[in-house]
Amino acid sequence: MNKHHKLSLIVEFTALIVLIGSMVWIGQIKQSGAPLATWQLALPVVASFFVLTGFLSNMYFRWISSAGGKSALTPRNQTFFWLLALSLLSVWCIAVIKTFWIDSV
């Protein structure tokens, strides 16, 4: 396993733990009836970004290693991977924008 692949796994699962913890924390704040400040949403937003990027980097590492190295990875496969990555990041961006927009209304 590549050194960067291990680091990516650590980042992904650490961010997942932080994301779950921050969602529990926000749930407790909401149950107490206190209003949420915008900065309180920053922790799950950042954590979800690192979960998503960790997932994408692990997928890339697995794709490269299963393809037998960079020379076996065709431009068509690279294009497909980057379109998939951009679409996932776009959905994440839309969700974050809607979260802050709905929260501020």
Protein backbone atom coordinates (compact mmCIF):
# COMPACT_ATOMS: atom_id res chain seq x y z
CA MET A 1 0.00 0.00 0.00
CA ASN A 2 1.30 3.39 -0.99
CA LYS A 3 2.28 5.90 1.73
CA HIS A 4 -0.15 8.45 0.28
CA HIS A 5 -2.91 5.84 0.18
CA LYS A 6 -2.51 5.21 3.92
CA LEU A 7 -2.57 8.94 4.62
CA SER A 8 -5.69 9.31 2.51
CA LEU A 9 -7.43 6.52 4.45
CA ILE A 10 -6.47 8.15 7.75
CA VAL A 11 -7.76 11.54 6.60
CA GLU A 12 -11.01 10.06 5.28
CA PHE A 13 -11.91 8.09 8.39
CA THR A 14 -10.78 10.80 10.82
CA ALA A 15 -12.94 13.29 8.95
CA LEU A 16 -15.83 10.81 9.06
CA ILE A 17 -15.54 10.57 12.85
CA VAL A 18 -15.41 14.37 13.12
CA LEU A 19 -18.42 14.66 10.79
CA ILE A 20 -20.52 12.23 12.84
CA GLY A 21 -19.49 13.91 16.09
CA SER A 22 -20.29 17.37 14.78
CA MET A 23 -23.69 16.24 13.55
CA VAL A 24 -24.48 14.84 17.02
CA TRP A 25 -23.30 18.13 18.54
CA ILE A 26 -25.50 20.17 16.18
CA GLY A 27 -28.43 17.88 16.97
CA GLN A 28 -28.00 18.56 20.67
CA ILE A 29 -27.88 22.30 20.05
CA LYS A 30 -31.07 22.13 17.95
CA GLN A 31 -32.87 20.03 20.62
CA SER A 32 -32.03 22.59 23.27
CA GLY A 33 -33.76 25.22 21.17
CA ALA A 34 -30.71 27.42 20.76
CA PRO A 35 -30.29 29.00 17.33
CA LEU A 36 -27.40 27.80 15.21
CA ALA A 37 -24.76 30.29 14.24
CA THR A 38 -23.21 30.08 10.79
CA TRP A 39 -19.79 29.29 12.23
CA GLN A 40 -21.23 26.21 13.97
CA LEU A 41 -21.99 24.70 10.58
CA ALA A 42 -18.38 25.14 9.48
CA LEU A 43 -17.12 22.01 11.26
CA PRO A 44 -19.41 19.51 9.48
CA VAL A 45 -18.90 21.33 6.16
CA VAL A 46 -15.11 21.06 6.38
CA ALA A 47 -15.30 17.49 7.67
CA SER A 48 -17.64 16.44 4.85
CA PHE A 49 -15.25 18.00 2.32
CA PHE A 50 -12.37 15.93 3.69
CA VAL A 51 -14.52 12.77 3.69
CA LEU A 52 -15.39 13.37 0.05
CA THR A 53 -11.86 14.20 -1.05
CA GLY A 54 -10.50 11.24 0.91
CA PHE A 55 -13.01 9.00 -0.83
CA LEU A 56 -12.05 10.38 -4.24
CA SER A 57 -8.32 10.05 -3.60
CA ASN A 58 -8.73 6.46 -2.40
CA MET A 59 -10.77 5.69 -5.48
CA TYR A 60 -8.03 7.21 -7.64
CA PHE A 61 -5.29 5.20 -5.89
CA ARG A 62 -7.24 1.98 -6.32
CA TRP A 63 -7.91 2.76 -9.95
CA ILE A 64 -4.24 3.47 -10.66
CA SER A 65 -3.00 0.35 -8.86
CA SER A 66 -5.64 -1.88 -10.45
CA ALA A 67 -4.78 -0.48 -13.89
CA GLY A 68 -1.14 -1.46 -13.42
CA GLY A 69 0.35 2.02 -13.18
CA LYS A 70 -0.05 5.32 -14.94
CA SER A 71 0.93 3.93 -18.34
CA ALA A 72 -2.09 1.56 -18.36
CA LEU A 73 -4.57 4.30 -17.44
CA THR A 74 -6.19 5.46 -20.67
CA PRO A 75 -7.30 9.05 -21.33
CA ARG A 76 -10.88 7.80 -21.49
CA ASN A 77 -10.59 6.36 -17.95
CA GLN A 78 -8.99 9.56 -16.69
CA THR A 79 -11.75 11.65 -18.26
CA PHE A 80 -14.40 9.42 -16.69
CA PHE A 81 -12.75 9.64 -13.27
CA TRP A 82 -12.43 13.44 -13.36
CA LEU A 83 -16.03 13.86 -14.56
CA LEU A 84 -17.15 11.67 -11.68
CA ALA A 85 -15.02 13.63 -9.20
CA LEU A 86 -16.25 17.00 -10.49
CA SER A 87 -19.87 15.88 -10.36
CA LEU A 88 -19.51 14.67 -6.75
CA LEU A 89 -17.79 17.90 -5.73
CA SER A 90 -20.47 19.93 -7.53
CA VAL A 91 -23.23 18.13 -5.63
CA TRP A 92 -21.32 18.82 -2.39
CA CYS A 93 -21.03 22.53 -3.30
CA ILE A 94 -24.74 22.77 -4.09
CA ALA A 95 -25.60 21.10 -0.77
CA VAL A 96 -23.36 23.51 1.17
CA ILE A 97 -24.79 26.54 -0.61
CA LYS A 98 -28.35 25.38 0.03
CA THR A 99 -27.55 24.68 3.68
CA PHE A 100 -26.26 28.19 4.29
CA TRP A 101 -28.95 29.78 2.13
CA ILE A 102 -31.82 27.95 3.87
CA ASP A 103 -30.26 28.58 7.28
CA SER A 104 -30.05 32.32 6.66
CA VAL A 105 -33.66 32.68 5.40
